[in-house]
């Protein structure tokens, strides 16, 4: 802005000087050059020009983005300068030579300089200097594209060629490390680098009167870059968007928390999965839940012969049934309302469906709630898993897949202990059978029911505060799509019958909960601790500060699927296991939570008698 103002004022002085010289050389009187009149006139004209330029806000113009409104404002400022200068000219009339012709020439020269400089800047950036006289588009959301040139070309070509994209207008391009700002890609100027993003947004706001979106493309779609951009955009209240992975669509969509995982979101190869799902009978328990419904969708895409869904929630079952009928009208589906803890009901459904593959997703997973409802956790997570596995074997299923959790590793809570016990139970049930078993451990699922992401979103929408358990707490996160794909990959990987393989996904480094909260606040264009407060509530019942995916005695082994690892473990024989398991289930059925927790500690040594004893006393 200082350079713009300096240039325009300097050109006023140059224009006045040229006008005086032209008047002097065109006269025939032979009088000497009027130095005093030139100095007084030039100083007065430059002062009038400076006042008019500041009042008109011309110094805020971005030359590369000039349009007809800016050109009209220049004309207005030139006229205002003349109005400011005329009283001075009258007062100095006796000291000036040919004041009126000189003023007319000065106005002409200054107008040429003002428009000429801006047209040169327009030509350098867009090769279209006459665009300064064109109307700027007023409809459509202004955006800045941040990324690399290869991705810009594809995006700009699609935006130019599709009428549906007229609602978006690209103001400029921001390069990761711009060395030559001022160049243009398909007529859109490169405004600078990522380091200059804050200044660029400020200029765009001054120029257009509204804050542009920042859309990420190509190499900018990495977690490190997106976090850096978020810090800038949140300070300016700017929306941050991303271009979808679908290259044919290139649709702008809001950035998701999943985009900010400490590792790239994995898109696993589904070819091995097709071999076991296409033309097969598949049964999914808990098929109306967040993970179960995504499993159902991914299975439906592979054209199974029949898809059977079981869920205890009437509403969830209705929702997924309507979705399947809408999106896959030719798919043969069978939806059953039932409780996974009802052995007779489950056996009847399994024997009728005769599934080739069973995906067991039904579970209770809310850690603090399960601490207070230990019997329910045992009956669903342990007895339910046992019934599902036994029913699958009885129905002749080729594969049985169980969804476990990272909380099953060194569990500090009832939910984790029940999942660990279910792992042990399923391994024994499938041993020696004709069914191949697979158990899958993964961390927190972004966006699933009861997860922290929907909670944070609600709290941010309400204006805060956002509550976290502990500033040092970390968690493994993955998307629902990843989690479901991993379950199906495990089903395809486990071919050996009579045993249950255990699989985990390489989930990268755990994410601090505080960082997730800060990031989600910035995603909404807010500044953490300024616009939205973050409060620490302390760890809830049964929660751990950090989670793990494997025990120290478990080794990881690579599989043919990149990013999917098999856990090598040894099952310690326990002759009393089955007897103690039945005793635990009966205790839970008779609603004796304290005794049930004590028995859980006996069956799951990792849970430990000490933790079980603490909860036992509390429940007693």
Foldseek 3Di string as FASTA:
>chain_A
DVVLLVQLLVLLLVLLVVLQVVVVVPDDPPDDRLPVQSVQLSVLLSVLLSVLCVVLVLVLADLLQAAQVSLVSVVVSLVSSCVSRVVVCVVCVVSHDPSVSSSVSSSVSSNCSSLVVSLVLNCLAQVCSCRNHHDDDPAAAEEEEEEDLVFVQLVVVVCVPDPVNPNYDYQAYEYQADPDFSYYDNRHTHHYYPVCVLVVQVSCCSHVVDGHAYEYTDPCLALVNVVSVLVRLLVVLHAYWYQDPPSVPRDTDFDDLQSNAPDHADDWDCVLLLVQQAQFQEEEEQCLFLLNVLLVVVSVVSHYQEYEYEYQDPVSQVVSVVVCCVPPVPHHYHYDHDALLPLVVLLVVCLVRLGQEYEYDWADAQFQVCLVQVLVRLSCLASSLLSNLLSNLVSPHQEYEAEAELCLALFLTSNNLSRVLNLLNSFVSQAPTNHFAEYEYDWAEPPGPPDLNVVLVVQVVVQDAREDADQQAWIQYHYSNSSSVLRSVRRSQGNDGRGYWYKYFQRDDTDGPVVSSQSVNSNSSHHEPPRYDYYHDHDHPRDDRYTDRDYPQWDWADDPIPRMIIIDDDNDDDPCQVVLSVVLSVCSVVPQNLVNLCSSCVNRVSNPNVSSNVSSVVSD
